[in-house]
C-alpha atoms as a PDB file:
ATOM      1  CA  MET A   1      86.725 -54.629 -24.623  1.00  0.00           C
ATOM      2  CA  GLY A   2      88.030 -52.959 -21.479  1.00  0.00           C
ATOM      3  CA  SER A   3      90.891 -53.448 -19.067  1.00  0.00           C
ATOM      4  CA  VAL A   4      88.783 -55.438 -16.607  1.00  0.00           C
ATOM      5  CA  LYS A   5      85.420 -56.117 -18.256  1.00  0.00           C
ATOM      6  CA  ASP A   6      84.064 -56.697 -21.744  1.00  0.00           C
ATOM      7  CA  LEU A   7      80.868 -55.363 -23.308  1.00  0.00           C
ATOM      8  CA  GLU A   8      78.801 -57.582 -25.596  1.00  0.00           C
ATOM      9  CA  ILE A   9      76.242 -55.610 -27.612  1.00  0.00           C
ATOM     10  CA  ILE A  10      72.923 -57.466 -27.947  1.00  0.00           C
ATOM     11  CA  LYS A  11      71.001 -54.572 -29.500  1.00  0.00           C
ATOM     12  CA  GLU A  12      72.667 -51.446 -30.860  1.00  0.00           C
ATOM     13  CA  PRO A  13      71.392 -48.094 -29.544  1.00  0.00           C
ATOM     14  CA  THR A  14      69.903 -45.705 -32.068  1.00  0.00           C
ATOM     15  CA  LYS A  15      69.545 -41.954 -31.911  1.00  0.00           C
ATOM     16  CA  ASP A  16      66.265 -42.232 -30.022  1.00  0.00           C
ATOM     17  CA  GLU A  17      66.260 -45.699 -28.433  1.00  0.00           C
ATOM     18  CA  GLU A  18      68.526 -47.330 -25.883  1.00  0.00           C
ATOM     19  CA  GLY A  19      70.184 -50.591 -26.814  1.00  0.00           C
ATOM     20  CA  VAL A  20      70.956 -53.651 -24.723  1.00  0.00           C
ATOM     21  CA  GLY A  21      74.334 -55.052 -23.769  1.00  0.00           C
ATOM     22  CA  VAL A  22      75.999 -57.433 -21.347  1.00  0.00           C
ATOM     23  CA  PHE A  23      78.995 -56.591 -19.187  1.00  0.00           C
ATOM     24  CA  GLU A  24      81.188 -59.657 -18.696  1.00  0.00           C
ATOM     25  CA  PHE A  25      83.454 -59.116 -15.709  1.00  0.00           C
ATOM     26  CA  SER A  26      86.886 -60.710 -15.965  1.00  0.00           C
ATOM     27  CA  ASP A  27      89.546 -61.499 -13.377  1.00  0.00           C
ATOM     28  CA  ARG A  28      91.891 -58.970 -15.000  1.00  0.00           C
ATOM     29  CA  TYR A  29      93.068 -55.842 -13.214  1.00  0.00           C
ATOM     30  CA  SER A  30      94.732 -52.580 -14.171  1.00  0.00           C
ATOM     31  CA  VAL A  31      96.822 -49.992 -12.318  1.00  0.00           C
ATOM     32  CA  PHE A  32      98.483 -46.695 -13.302  1.00  0.00           C
ATOM     33  CA  ASP A  33      96.571 -46.551 -16.618  1.00  0.00           C
ATOM     34  CA  TYR A  34      98.671 -49.441 -17.937  1.00  0.00           C
ATOM     35  CA  GLY A  35      95.726 -51.542 -19.041  1.00  0.00           C
ATOM     36  CA  GLU A  36      95.621 -55.308 -18.587  1.00  0.00           C
ATOM     37  CA  MET A  37      98.313 -56.432 -16.147  1.00  0.00           C
ATOM     38  CA  PRO A  38     100.118 -59.798 -16.506  1.00  0.00           C
ATOM     39  CA  ASP A  39      98.278 -61.596 -13.668  1.00  0.00           C
ATOM     40  CA  GLU A  40      94.627 -62.417 -12.998  1.00  0.00           C
ATOM     41  CA  ILE A  41      92.845 -62.360  -9.607  1.00  0.00           C
ATOM     42  CA  GLU A  42      90.634 -65.460  -9.437  1.00  0.00           C
ATOM     43  CA  GLY A  43      87.016 -64.674  -8.513  1.00  0.00           C
ATOM     44  CA  LYS A  44      87.493 -60.920  -8.768  1.00  0.00           C
ATOM     45  CA  GLY A  45      85.142 -60.519 -11.744  1.00  0.00           C
ATOM     46  CA  GLU A  46      82.295 -62.354 -10.053  1.00  0.00           C
ATOM     47  CA  ALA A  47      82.801 -60.401  -6.822  1.00  0.00           C
ATOM     48  CA  LEU A  48      82.657 -57.048  -8.626  1.00  0.00           C
ATOM     49  CA  CYS A  49      79.605 -58.034 -10.655  1.00  0.00           C
ATOM     50  CA  LEU A  50      77.687 -59.280  -7.601  1.00  0.00           C
ATOM     51  CA  MET A  51      78.572 -56.197  -5.529  1.00  0.00           C
ATOM     52  CA  SER A  52      77.549 -53.767  -8.268  1.00  0.00           C
ATOM     53  CA  THR A  53      74.325 -55.688  -8.944  1.00  0.00           C
ATOM     54  CA  HIS A  54      73.476 -55.444  -5.247  1.00  0.00           C
ATOM     55  CA  ASN A  55      74.142 -51.693  -5.299  1.00  0.00           C
ATOM     56  CA  PHE A  56      71.992 -51.029  -8.361  1.00  0.00           C
ATOM     57  CA  GLU A  57      69.120 -53.052  -6.907  1.00  0.00           C
ATOM     58  CA  GLU A  58      69.292 -51.260  -3.547  1.00  0.00           C
ATOM     59  CA  LEU A  59      69.588 -47.820  -5.165  1.00  0.00           C
ATOM     60  CA  GLU A  60      66.569 -48.592  -7.359  1.00  0.00           C
ATOM     61  CA  LYS A  61      64.557 -49.145  -4.167  1.00  0.00           C
ATOM     62  CA  ASP A  62      65.512 -45.580  -3.171  1.00  0.00           C
ATOM     63  CA  GLY A  63      64.274 -44.259  -6.511  1.00  0.00           C
ATOM     64  CA  ILE A  64      67.740 -43.858  -8.047  1.00  0.00           C
ATOM     65  CA  ARG A  65      67.604 -45.191 -11.610  1.00  0.00           C
ATOM     66  CA  SER A  66      70.432 -46.913 -13.447  1.00  0.00           C
ATOM     67  CA  HIS A  67      71.106 -48.735 -16.707  1.00  0.00           C
ATOM     68  CA  PHE A  68      70.993 -52.097 -14.866  1.00  0.00           C
ATOM     69  CA  ILE A  69      68.492 -54.618 -16.222  1.00  0.00           C
ATOM     70  CA  GLU A  70      69.325 -57.962 -14.603  1.00  0.00           C
ATOM     71  CA  LEU A  71      72.060 -60.344 -13.491  1.00  0.00           C
ATOM     72  CA  GLU A  72      72.482 -63.046 -16.158  1.00  0.00           C
ATOM     73  CA  GLU A  73      75.261 -65.024 -14.512  1.00  0.00           C
ATOM     74  CA  ARG A  74      77.552 -64.389 -11.561  1.00  0.00           C
ATOM     75  CA  ASN A  75      79.927 -62.410 -13.802  1.00  0.00           C
ATOM     76  CA  ARG A  76      77.463 -61.191 -16.461  1.00  0.00           C
ATOM     77  CA  MET A  77      75.215 -58.141 -16.054  1.00  0.00           C
ATOM     78  CA  LYS A  78      72.620 -57.092 -18.637  1.00  0.00           C
ATOM     79  CA  VAL A  79      72.374 -53.320 -19.034  1.00  0.00           C
ATOM     80  CA  LYS A  80      70.894 -50.609 -21.211  1.00  0.00           C
ATOM     81  CA  VAL A  81      73.463 -49.109 -23.564  1.00  0.00           C
ATOM     82  CA  VAL A  82      73.453 -45.650 -25.081  1.00  0.00           C
ATOM     83  CA  ASN A  83      75.574 -43.789 -27.604  1.00  0.00           C
ATOM     84  CA  VAL A  84      79.132 -42.691 -26.859  1.00  0.00           C
ATOM     85  CA  ILE A  85      79.921 -39.310 -28.381  1.00  0.00           C
ATOM     86  CA  THR A  86      83.615 -38.457 -28.353  1.00  0.00           C
ATOM     87  CA  GLU A  87      83.711 -35.480 -30.720  1.00  0.00           C
ATOM     88  CA  GLY A  88      81.556 -32.414 -31.156  1.00  0.00           C
ATOM     89  CA  THR A  89      78.380 -31.419 -29.327  1.00  0.00           C
ATOM     90  CA  PRO A  90      75.226 -33.505 -29.899  1.00  0.00           C
ATOM     91  CA  ASP A  91      72.104 -31.877 -31.322  1.00  0.00           C
ATOM     92  CA  GLU A  92      70.093 -33.232 -28.398  1.00  0.00           C
ATOM     93  CA  PHE A  93      71.319 -34.231 -24.968  1.00  0.00           C
ATOM     94  CA  LYS A  94      69.646 -37.623 -24.770  1.00  0.00           C
ATOM     95  CA  ASN A  95      70.394 -41.336 -25.199  1.00  0.00           C
ATOM     96  CA  MET A  96      74.115 -40.760 -24.602  1.00  0.00           C
ATOM     97  CA  MET A  97      76.890 -41.316 -22.110  1.00  0.00           C
ATOM     98  CA  VAL A  98      77.886 -38.209 -20.193  1.00  0.00           C
ATOM     99  CA  PRO A  99      81.594 -37.683 -21.036  1.00  0.00           C
ATOM    100  CA  LEU A 100      82.588 -37.206 -17.404  1.00  0.00           C
ATOM    101  CA  GLU A 101      83.829 -39.330 -14.560  1.00  0.00           C
ATOM    102  CA  ILE A 102      82.415 -38.156 -11.233  1.00  0.00           C
ATOM    103  CA  ILE A 103      84.553 -38.665  -8.131  1.00  0.00           C
ATOM    104  CA  TYR A 104      83.266 -38.357  -4.570  1.00  0.00           C
ATOM    105  CA  ARG A 105      85.928 -37.882  -1.900  1.00  0.00           C
ATOM    106  CA  ASN A 106      85.234 -38.357   1.811  1.00  0.00           C
ATOM    107  CA  TYR A 107      88.913 -38.395   2.795  1.00  0.00           C
ATOM    108  CA  LEU A 108      92.143 -37.427   1.073  1.00  0.00           C
ATOM    109  CA  GLY A 109      94.467 -40.375   1.510  1.00  0.00           C
ATOM    110  CA  GLU A 110      98.238 -40.102   1.365  1.00  0.00           C
ATOM    111  CA  GLY A 111      98.349 -41.091  -2.319  1.00  0.00           C
ATOM    112  CA  SER A 112      95.383 -38.979  -3.403  1.00  0.00           C
ATOM    113  CA  SER A 113      95.668 -37.314  -6.800  1.00  0.00           C
ATOM    114  CA  VAL A 114      94.405 -34.126  -5.124  1.00  0.00           C
ATOM    115  CA  PHE A 115      97.737 -33.690  -3.319  1.00  0.00           C
ATOM    116  CA  ARG A 116      99.685 -34.262  -6.529  1.00  0.00           C
ATOM    117  CA  ARG A 117      97.597 -31.625  -8.307  1.00  0.00           C
ATOM    118  CA  LEU A 118      98.046 -29.188  -5.442  1.00  0.00           C
ATOM    119  CA  ASP A 119     101.798 -29.788  -5.280  1.00  0.00           C
ATOM    120  CA  LYS A 120     102.158 -29.239  -9.036  1.00  0.00           C
ATOM    121  CA  GLY A 121     100.165 -25.996  -8.823  1.00  0.00           C
ATOM    122  CA  GLU A 122      97.434 -27.334 -11.096  1.00  0.00           C
ATOM    123  CA  ILE A 123      94.813 -26.313  -8.527  1.00  0.00           C
ATOM    124  CA  GLU A 124      94.700 -24.184  -5.391  1.00  0.00           C
ATOM    125  CA  PRO A 125      93.083 -25.181  -2.063  1.00  0.00           C
ATOM    126  CA  SER A 126      90.371 -22.607  -2.763  1.00  0.00           C
ATOM    127  CA  ASP A 127      89.390 -24.505  -5.944  1.00  0.00           C
ATOM    128  CA  LEU A 128      88.292 -27.343  -3.653  1.00  0.00           C
ATOM    129  CA  GLY A 129      86.623 -25.105  -1.070  1.00  0.00           C
ATOM    130  CA  PHE A 130      89.543 -25.164   1.411  1.00  0.00           C
ATOM    131  CA  ASP A 131      91.021 -22.162   3.217  1.00  0.00           C
ATOM    132  CA  SER A 132      94.431 -23.846   3.382  1.00  0.00           C
ATOM    133  CA  TYR A 133      96.298 -26.982   2.307  1.00  0.00           C
ATOM    134  CA  PRO A 134      94.117 -29.963   3.373  1.00  0.00           C
ATOM    135  CA  GLU A 135      95.172 -32.554   5.923  1.00  0.00           C
ATOM    136  CA  VAL A 136      95.836 -36.189   5.049  1.00  0.00           C
ATOM    137  CA  ASN A 137      93.098 -38.632   6.097  1.00  0.00           C
ATOM    138  CA  LYS A 138      90.890 -35.958   7.653  1.00  0.00           C
ATOM    139  CA  LYS A 139      87.172 -36.531   7.090  1.00  0.00           C
ATOM    140  CA  LEU A 140      85.745 -34.037   4.595  1.00  0.00           C
ATOM    141  CA  ASP A 141      82.414 -32.511   5.503  1.00  0.00           C
ATOM    142  CA  PRO A 142      80.916 -31.948   3.020  1.00  0.00           C
ATOM    143  CA  PRO A 143      82.693 -34.386   0.702  1.00  0.00           C
ATOM    144  CA  ILE A 144      84.392 -33.131  -2.455  1.00  0.00           C
ATOM    145  CA  ILE A 145      82.658 -33.831  -5.769  1.00  0.00           C
ATOM    146  CA  ASP A 146      85.387 -33.850  -8.403  1.00  0.00           C
ATOM    147  CA  PHE A 147      85.234 -34.329 -12.188  1.00  0.00           C
ATOM    148  CA  SER A 148      87.556 -35.793 -14.794  1.00  0.00           C
ATOM    149  CA  THR A 149      87.308 -36.552 -18.499  1.00  0.00           C
ATOM    150  CA  LYS A 150      86.251 -39.783 -20.149  1.00  0.00           C
ATOM    151  CA  TYR A 151      87.250 -41.142 -23.552  1.00  0.00           C
ATOM    152  CA  GLU A 152      90.643 -39.432 -23.589  1.00  0.00           C
ATOM    153  CA  LYS A 153      93.975 -41.262 -23.569  1.00  0.00           C
ATOM    154  CA  PHE A 154      94.369 -40.471 -19.863  1.00  0.00           C
ATOM    155  CA  ASP A 155      91.729 -39.153 -17.493  1.00  0.00           C
ATOM    156  CA  ARG A 156      92.230 -35.414 -17.045  1.00  0.00           C
ATOM    157  CA  TYR A 157      90.920 -33.525 -14.025  1.00  0.00           C
ATOM    158  CA  PHE A 158      89.146 -30.200 -14.342  1.00  0.00           C
ATOM    159  CA  LYS A 159      90.158 -27.208 -12.272  1.00  0.00           C
ATOM    160  CA  ASN A 160      86.663 -25.808 -11.796  1.00  0.00           C
ATOM    161  CA  ILE A 161      83.013 -26.203 -12.747  1.00  0.00           C
ATOM    162  CA  GLU A 162      83.316 -23.774 -15.667  1.00  0.00           C
ATOM    163  CA  GLU A 163      85.774 -26.156 -17.338  1.00  0.00           C
ATOM    164  CA  VAL A 164      83.405 -29.072 -16.672  1.00  0.00           C
ATOM    165  CA  LYS A 165      80.489 -27.224 -18.283  1.00  0.00           C
ATOM    166  CA  ASP A 166      82.566 -26.224 -21.304  1.00  0.00           C
ATOM    167  CA  HIS A 167      83.746 -29.809 -21.844  1.00  0.00           C
ATOM    168  CA  ALA A 168      80.318 -31.458 -21.490  1.00  0.00           C
ATOM    169  CA  GLY A 169      78.254 -28.645 -22.984  1.00  0.00           C
ATOM    170  CA  PHE A 170      75.971 -28.619 -19.926  1.00  0.00           C
ATOM    171  CA  ASP A 171      74.429 -25.718 -18.054  1.00  0.00           C
ATOM    172  CA  ASP A 172      74.484 -25.116 -14.287  1.00  0.00           C
ATOM    173  CA  GLU A 173      71.213 -26.971 -13.782  1.00  0.00           C
ATOM    174  CA  MET A 174      72.465 -30.214 -15.332  1.00  0.00           C
ATOM    175  CA  ILE A 175      75.759 -30.068 -13.429  1.00  0.00           C
ATOM    176  CA  ASP A 176      73.802 -29.562 -10.191  1.00  0.00           C
ATOM    177  CA  VAL A 177      71.649 -32.616 -10.985  1.00  0.00           C
ATOM    178  CA  ILE A 178      74.782 -34.712 -11.582  1.00  0.00           C
ATOM    179  CA  LYS A 179      76.359 -33.515  -8.327  1.00  0.00           C
ATOM    180  CA  GLU A 180      73.181 -34.292  -6.396  1.00  0.00           C
ATOM    181  CA  LYS A 181      73.157 -37.801  -7.863  1.00  0.00           C
ATOM    182  CA  ALA A 182      76.798 -38.273  -6.841  1.00  0.00           C
ATOM    183  CA  ILE A 183      75.996 -37.159  -3.294  1.00  0.00           C
ATOM    184  CA  ASP A 184      73.065 -39.614  -3.140  1.00  0.00           C
ATOM    185  CA  VAL A 185      75.270 -42.484  -4.298  1.00  0.00           C
ATOM    186  CA  ASN A 186      78.068 -41.491  -1.941  1.00  0.00           C
ATOM    187  CA  ASN A 187      75.640 -41.337   0.999  1.00  0.00           C
ATOM    188  CA  PHE A 188      74.297 -44.798   0.136  1.00  0.00           C
ATOM    189  CA  ILE A 189      77.806 -46.289   0.028  1.00  0.00           C
ATOM    190  CA  ASN A 190      78.822 -44.433   3.207  1.00  0.00           C
ATOM    191  CA  ASP A 191      75.819 -45.811   5.098  1.00  0.00           C
ATOM    192  CA  LYS A 192      76.432 -49.346   3.847  1.00  0.00           C
ATOM    193  CA  ALA A 193      80.132 -49.171   4.734  1.00  0.00           C
ATOM    194  CA  LYS A 194      79.366 -47.805   8.203  1.00  0.00           C
ATOM    195  CA  GLU A 195      77.072 -50.773   8.920  1.00  0.00           C
ATOM    196  CA  LEU A 196      79.996 -53.103   8.198  1.00  0.00           C
ATOM    197  CA  GLY A 197      82.570 -51.069  10.107  1.00  0.00           C
ATOM    198  CA  TRP A 198      84.324 -50.091   6.877  1.00  0.00           C
ATOM    199  CA  LYS A 199      85.706 -46.651   6.117  1.00  0.00           C
ATOM    200  CA  HIS A 200      84.697 -45.300   2.693  1.00  0.00           C
ATOM    201  CA  LEU A 201      87.508 -43.056   1.464  1.00  0.00           C
ATOM    202  CA  ASP A 202      86.388 -42.201  -2.067  1.00  0.00           C
ATOM    203  CA  GLY A 203      84.899 -43.586  -5.242  1.00  0.00           C
ATOM    204  CA  LYS A 204      83.821 -42.854  -8.767  1.00  0.00           C
ATOM    205  CA  MET A 205      80.737 -43.222 -10.921  1.00  0.00           C
ATOM    206  CA  GLU A 206      79.472 -42.546 -14.419  1.00  0.00           C
ATOM    207  CA  VAL A 207      76.093 -41.391 -15.637  1.00  0.00           C
ATOM    208  CA  ALA A 208      74.140 -41.451 -18.879  1.00  0.00           C
ATOM    209  CA  LEU A 209      71.122 -39.697 -20.328  1.00  0.00           C
ATOM    210  CA  ASP A 210      68.280 -41.986 -21.356  1.00  0.00           C
ATOM    211  CA  ARG A 211      66.125 -41.556 -24.477  1.00  0.00           C
ATOM    212  CA  ASN A 212      64.110 -38.866 -22.684  1.00  0.00           C
ATOM    213  CA  GLY A 213      67.186 -36.959 -21.537  1.00  0.00           C
ATOM    214  CA  GLU A 214      66.769 -38.120 -17.922  1.00  0.00           C
ATOM    215  CA  LEU A 215      69.844 -38.990 -15.871  1.00  0.00           C
ATOM    216  CA  MET A 216      70.598 -42.615 -14.969  1.00  0.00           C
ATOM    217  CA  LEU A 217      73.576 -44.272 -13.314  1.00  0.00           C
ATOM    218  CA  ALA A 218      75.844 -46.165 -15.707  1.00  0.00           C
ATOM    219  CA  ASP A 219      78.823 -48.512 -15.802  1.00  0.00           C
ATOM    220  CA  VAL A 220      79.626 -49.925 -12.329  1.00  0.00           C
ATOM    221  CA  LEU A 221      79.838 -48.412  -8.852  1.00  0.00           C
ATOM    222  CA  GLY A 222      80.465 -49.199  -5.195  1.00  0.00           C
ATOM    223  CA  THR A 223      82.957 -52.044  -5.723  1.00  0.00           C
ATOM    224  CA  LEU A 224      86.551 -52.596  -4.609  1.00  0.00           C
ATOM    225  CA  ASP A 225      87.739 -51.376  -8.028  1.00  0.00           C
ATOM    226  CA  GLU A 226      85.624 -48.216  -8.278  1.00  0.00           C
ATOM    227  CA  ASP A 227      85.840 -47.221  -4.602  1.00  0.00           C
ATOM    228  CA  ARG A 228      88.446 -47.285  -1.856  1.00  0.00           C
ATOM    229  CA  PHE A 229      87.550 -48.737   1.525  1.00  0.00           C
ATOM    230  CA  GLU A 230      89.464 -49.518   4.703  1.00  0.00           C
ATOM    231  CA  TYR A 231      88.667 -52.011   7.432  1.00  0.00           C
ATOM    232  CA  ASN A 232      90.670 -52.067  10.653  1.00  0.00           C
ATOM    233  CA  GLY A 233      93.404 -50.111   8.897  1.00  0.00           C
ATOM    234  CA  VAL A 234      93.583 -52.553   5.966  1.00  0.00           C
ATOM    235  CA  LYS A 235      92.927 -51.274   2.441  1.00  0.00           C
ATOM    236  CA  LEU A 236      89.947 -53.067   0.909  1.00  0.00           C
ATOM    237  CA  SER A 237      90.390 -52.079  -2.700  1.00  0.00           C
ATOM    238  CA  LYS A 238      92.606 -52.255  -5.727  1.00  0.00           C
ATOM    239  CA  GLN A 239      94.752 -49.757  -3.809  1.00  0.00           C
ATOM    240  CA  MET A 240      96.540 -52.732  -2.255  1.00  0.00           C
ATOM    241  CA  LEU A 241      97.874 -53.645  -5.699  1.00  0.00           C
ATOM    242  CA  ARG A 242      98.736 -50.038  -6.524  1.00  0.00           C
ATOM    243  CA  ASN A 243     100.702 -49.825  -3.297  1.00  0.00           C
ATOM    244  CA  TYR A 244     102.643 -52.996  -4.139  1.00  0.00           C
ATOM    245  CA  TYR A 245     103.885 -51.408  -7.360  1.00  0.00           C
ATOM    246  CA  ARG A 246     104.210 -47.834  -6.090  1.00  0.00           C
ATOM    247  CA  GLY A 247     107.828 -46.810  -5.636  1.00  0.00           C
ATOM    248  CA  THR A 248     109.125 -49.667  -7.798  1.00  0.00           C
ATOM    249  CA  GLU A 249     111.401 -49.103 -10.775  1.00  0.00           C
ATOM    250  CA  TRP A 250     108.536 -50.089 -13.079  1.00  0.00           C
ATOM    251  CA  ALA A 251     106.165 -47.480 -11.600  1.00  0.00           C
ATOM    252  CA  GLU A 252     108.799 -44.768 -12.006  1.00  0.00           C
ATOM    253  CA  GLU A 253     109.420 -45.808 -15.621  1.00  0.00           C
ATOM    254  CA  MET A 254     105.661 -45.723 -16.232  1.00  0.00           C
ATOM    255  CA  GLU A 255     105.452 -42.140 -14.981  1.00  0.00           C
ATOM    256  CA  ARG A 256     108.294 -41.133 -17.280  1.00  0.00           C
ATOM    257  CA  ALA A 257     106.640 -42.861 -20.234  1.00  0.00           C
ATOM    258  CA  LYS A 258     103.372 -41.014 -19.636  1.00  0.00           C
ATOM    259  CA  ASP A 259     105.117 -37.682 -19.060  1.00  0.00           C
ATOM    260  CA  GLU A 260     106.984 -38.132 -22.365  1.00  0.00           C
ATOM    261  CA  ASP A 261     103.741 -39.253 -24.072  1.00  0.00           C
ATOM    262  CA  LEU A 262     105.379 -42.427 -25.387  1.00  0.00           C
ATOM    263  CA  PRO A 263     103.177 -44.814 -27.416  1.00  0.00           C
ATOM    264  CA  LYS A 264     101.855 -47.734 -25.384  1.00  0.00           C
ATOM    265  CA  GLU A 265     104.039 -50.264 -27.188  1.00  0.00           C
ATOM    266  CA  GLU A 266     107.048 -48.472 -25.678  1.00  0.00           C
ATOM    267  CA  TRP A 267     105.749 -48.590 -22.098  1.00  0.00           C
ATOM    268  CA  PRO A 268     107.752 -50.778 -19.700  1.00  0.00           C
ATOM    269  CA  GLU A 269     106.376 -54.259 -19.043  1.00  0.00           C
ATOM    270  CA  PRO A 270     105.239 -54.719 -15.407  1.00  0.00           C
ATOM    271  CA  PRO A 271     106.642 -57.479 -13.200  1.00  0.00           C
ATOM    272  CA  ARG A 272     104.276 -60.222 -12.072  1.00  0.00           C
ATOM    273  CA  LEU A 273     102.727 -60.324  -8.607  1.00  0.00           C
ATOM    274  CA  PRO A 274     103.856 -62.860  -6.000  1.00  0.00           C
ATOM    275  CA  GLU A 275     101.476 -65.845  -5.892  1.00  0.00           C
ATOM    276  CA  LYS A 276     100.796 -65.367  -2.168  1.00  0.00           C
ATOM    277  CA  LEU A 277      99.643 -61.800  -2.791  1.00  0.00           C
ATOM    278  CA  ILE A 278      97.406 -62.895  -5.689  1.00  0.00           C
ATOM    279  CA  ASN A 279      95.745 -65.513  -3.479  1.00  0.00           C
ATOM    280  CA  PHE A 280      95.199 -63.045  -0.637  1.00  0.00           C
ATOM    281  CA  VAL A 281      93.705 -60.346  -2.877  1.00  0.00           C
ATOM    282  CA  SER A 282      91.438 -62.966  -4.469  1.00  0.00           C
ATOM    283  CA  ASP A 283      90.136 -63.996  -1.028  1.00  0.00           C
ATOM    284  CA  MET A 284      89.792 -60.329  -0.018  1.00  0.00           C
ATOM    285  CA  TYR A 285      87.538 -59.545  -3.001  1.00  0.00           C
ATOM    286  CA  LYS A 286      85.415 -62.620  -2.294  1.00  0.00           C
ATOM    287  CA  ALA A 287      85.085 -61.983   1.440  1.00  0.00           C
ATOM    288  CA  ALA A 288      84.255 -58.313   0.877  1.00  0.00           C
ATOM    289  CA  CYS A 289      81.546 -59.329  -1.609  1.00  0.00           C
ATOM    290  CA  ASN A 290      80.031 -61.769   0.915  1.00  0.00           C
ATOM    291  CA  GLU A 291      79.866 -59.103   3.601  1.00  0.00           C
ATOM    292  CA  TRP A 292      78.675 -56.277   1.344  1.00  0.00           C
ATOM    293  CA  THR A 293      75.804 -58.293  -0.129  1.00  0.00           C
ATOM    294  CA  ASP A 294      75.113 -60.199   3.109  1.00  0.00           C
ATOM    295  CA  GLU A 295      75.134 -63.437   1.109  1.00  0.00           C
ATOM    296  CA  GLU A 296      77.593 -66.356   1.059  1.00  0.00           C
ATOM    297  CA  HIS A 297      78.505 -66.202  -2.605  1.00  0.00           C
ATOM    298  CA  PHE A 298      81.998 -67.614  -1.961  1.00  0.00           C
ATOM    299  CA  ASP A 299      83.389 -70.267   0.372  1.00  0.00           C
ATOM    300  CA  VAL A 300      86.140 -68.165   1.898  1.00  0.00           C
ATOM    301  CA  LYS A 301      87.400 -66.901   5.264  1.00  0.00           C
ATOM    302  CA  SER A 302      85.772 -63.833   6.764  1.00  0.00           C
ATOM    303  CA  LEU A 303      87.535 -60.489   6.424  1.00  0.00           C
ATOM    304  CA  ASP A 304      88.391 -60.600  10.126  1.00  0.00           C
ATOM    305  CA  GLU A 305      90.089 -63.990   9.698  1.00  0.00           C
ATOM    306  CA  LEU A 306      91.917 -62.889   6.558  1.00  0.00           C
ATOM    307  CA  ILE A 307      93.251 -59.774   8.269  1.00  0.00           C
ATOM    308  CA  GLU A 308      94.202 -61.540  11.488  1.00  0.00           C
ATOM    309  CA  GLU A 309      95.918 -64.472   9.791  1.00  0.00           C
ATOM    310  CA  ASP A 310      96.920 -63.946   6.161  1.00  0.00           C
ATOM    311  CA  HIS A 311      97.333 -60.158   6.036  1.00  0.00           C
ATOM    312  CA  LYS A 312      99.648 -60.094   9.059  1.00  0.00           C
ATOM    313  CA  GLU A 313     101.834 -62.819   7.555  1.00  0.00           C
ATOM    314  CA  LEU A 314     102.103 -61.095   4.171  1.00  0.00           C
ATOM    315  CA  LYS A 315     102.966 -57.829   5.873  1.00  0.00           C
ATOM    316  CA  LYS A 316     105.790 -59.545   7.768  1.00  0.00           C
ATOM    317  CA  GLN A 317     107.097 -60.820   4.434  1.00  0.00           C
ATOM    318  CA  GLY A 318     106.984 -57.304   2.953  1.00  0.00           C
ATOM    319  CA  LEU A 319     104.417 -58.254   0.295  1.00  0.00           C
ATOM    320  CA  ILE A 320     101.853 -55.745   1.617  1.00  0.00           C
ATOM    321  CA  LYS A 321     102.739 -52.125   2.288  1.00  0.00           C
END
């Protein structure tokens, strides 16, 4: 059970054999680590499932393996499942999730966590390969490959590769293989976005080791939840919902709650979204899915029509920042 999708186990993994599971994508969404928010975005689950299925199938053609098996229904994806190890170091590095989230950054947007970490002194520009403080929205060449934890209460970024290796128990060779895989995935998404006239700002992915210890892509990637895109200056991602809440009293209370390490039951309850914004974001996910997969999965306006008509009106009303 996750914030936005559920995992049904069909066959449990063993020490030496992968299992089988089904991701069921819901219309739930989450921002600021809160978990399930009070509203649902109709059609969002299907759009994410169809986009990620398309990505896994296309990447497989390029020789990039993943845990994807097949699409069962529009919101159900059958996948290989492996063991999740949250404590200690395994005897063998195989048939397991890698306890890292890998982030590829092509631009540093205004709200990027990189700037917050720099401003707090958690990292220095040199830790990211910069000579000085980076510019907002400047294309990064090469992109940054960043790492954070998985399976902790909150994702925690690492300062450098030595910390990554210590956490995962990997050597330089394995970290290099993971970084190369992230670059391959990022290049694939960049090329796809460029064809559509989208700007790919950043994204995240997860990887696993199969029963032979070989790397394979895991979870979900290249969707409007995992990655941030822009089209004609409009944010095509969950970032639109983050921006709606950012700067509100609730968001500020959430930051205080996390800073004070309050238990979740004491976190402030978020306000609901306006219905007009819910409907627009629903159509945005659907239209983006149609264009990304080049298939008419949903009967919805094109992105151009949504931006020209609905987005402009919502911006006038102050519902989109």
